[in-house]
Amino acid sequence: MYQRVQVMLKIPAHQLELYYQGVVDTVAAETTDGRIVHFPANVLRSVVQSHGVYGTFELVFDGNNKFVSISRIC
């Protein structure tokens, strides 16, 4: 069974540099219902814009809590 959570991300481009340099490999974010989720930083590549990653996103995890997908919802 998949678990879907929503997070609001506000990551400016200069902070994303840490992910690309390999300094940081995991993102921790608070879900809209107050839980903390961790996911691989490299998944942000599909949602990065020139100014960074901003918006509300849906993260999908499988039954083993392994990341499946990320999509912008707002």
Protein backbone atom coordinates (compact mmCIF):
# COMPACT_ATOMS: atom_id res chain seq x y z
CA MET A 1 0.00 0.00 0.00
CA TYR A 2 1.31 3.43 -0.91
CA GLN A 3 1.43 6.34 1.49
CA ARG A 4 0.96 9.85 0.14
CA VAL A 5 2.01 12.95 2.05
CA GLN A 6 2.05 16.63 1.21
CA VAL A 7 4.92 18.96 2.04
CA MET A 8 5.58 22.62 1.44
CA LEU A 9 9.15 23.13 0.26
CA LYS A 10 11.04 26.42 0.24
CA ILE A 11 14.59 25.63 -0.81
CA PRO A 12 16.51 28.47 -2.47
CA ALA A 13 18.92 27.70 -5.29
CA HIS A 14 22.01 28.38 -3.15
CA GLN A 15 20.94 25.66 -0.68
CA LEU A 16 20.40 23.20 -3.51
CA GLU A 17 24.09 23.56 -4.31
CA LEU A 18 24.80 21.51 -1.17
CA TYR A 19 22.76 18.65 -2.60
CA TYR A 20 24.49 18.78 -5.96
CA GLN A 21 27.92 18.96 -4.32
CA GLY A 22 27.13 15.84 -2.32
CA VAL A 23 27.39 17.60 1.03
CA VAL A 24 23.76 16.79 1.84
CA ASP A 25 22.04 13.64 0.60
CA THR A 26 18.75 13.66 2.51
CA VAL A 27 15.96 16.21 2.86
CA ALA A 28 13.82 16.42 5.99
CA ALA A 29 10.47 18.15 5.58
CA GLU A 30 7.36 18.64 7.66
CA THR A 31 4.17 17.29 6.15
CA THR A 32 1.00 19.36 6.13
CA ASP A 33 -0.29 17.21 8.99
CA GLY A 34 2.81 17.81 11.15
CA ARG A 35 4.87 14.65 10.58
CA ILE A 36 8.53 14.75 9.56
CA VAL A 37 9.54 12.81 6.45
CA HIS A 38 13.00 12.13 5.07
CA PHE A 39 13.69 11.50 1.41
CA PRO A 40 16.70 11.41 -0.93
CA ALA A 41 17.78 14.89 -2.06
CA ASN A 42 18.35 13.70 -5.61
CA VAL A 43 14.58 13.36 -6.15
CA LEU A 44 14.35 17.15 -6.16
CA ARG A 45 16.05 17.27 -9.55
CA SER A 46 12.74 16.68 -11.28
CA VAL A 47 11.12 19.71 -9.59
CA VAL A 48 13.99 22.23 -9.46
CA GLN A 49 13.47 25.60 -11.08
CA SER A 50 16.09 28.31 -11.62
CA HIS A 51 15.28 29.97 -8.27
CA GLY A 52 15.11 26.71 -6.28
CA VAL A 53 12.31 24.42 -5.14
CA TYR A 54 9.18 26.20 -3.94
CA GLY A 55 5.63 24.97 -3.64
CA THR A 56 3.46 22.21 -2.27
CA PHE A 57 4.40 18.71 -3.36
CA GLU A 58 2.96 15.25 -2.96
CA LEU A 59 5.46 12.56 -2.01
CA VAL A 60 4.58 8.91 -2.47
CA PHE A 61 6.24 6.13 -0.45
CA ASP A 62 5.73 2.38 -0.83
CA GLY A 63 4.79 -0.07 1.91
CA ASN A 64 8.44 -0.24 3.02
CA ASN A 65 8.65 3.57 3.30
CA LYS A 66 10.82 3.73 0.18
CA PHE A 67 10.41 6.84 -1.95
CA VAL A 68 8.35 6.31 -5.12
CA SER A 69 7.59 9.76 -6.60
CA ILE A 70 7.28 13.50 -6.13
CA SER A 71 4.90 15.83 -7.93
CA ARG A 72 4.05 19.50 -7.63
CA ILE A 73 0.44 20.06 -6.62
CA CYS A 74 0.50 23.83 -6.06
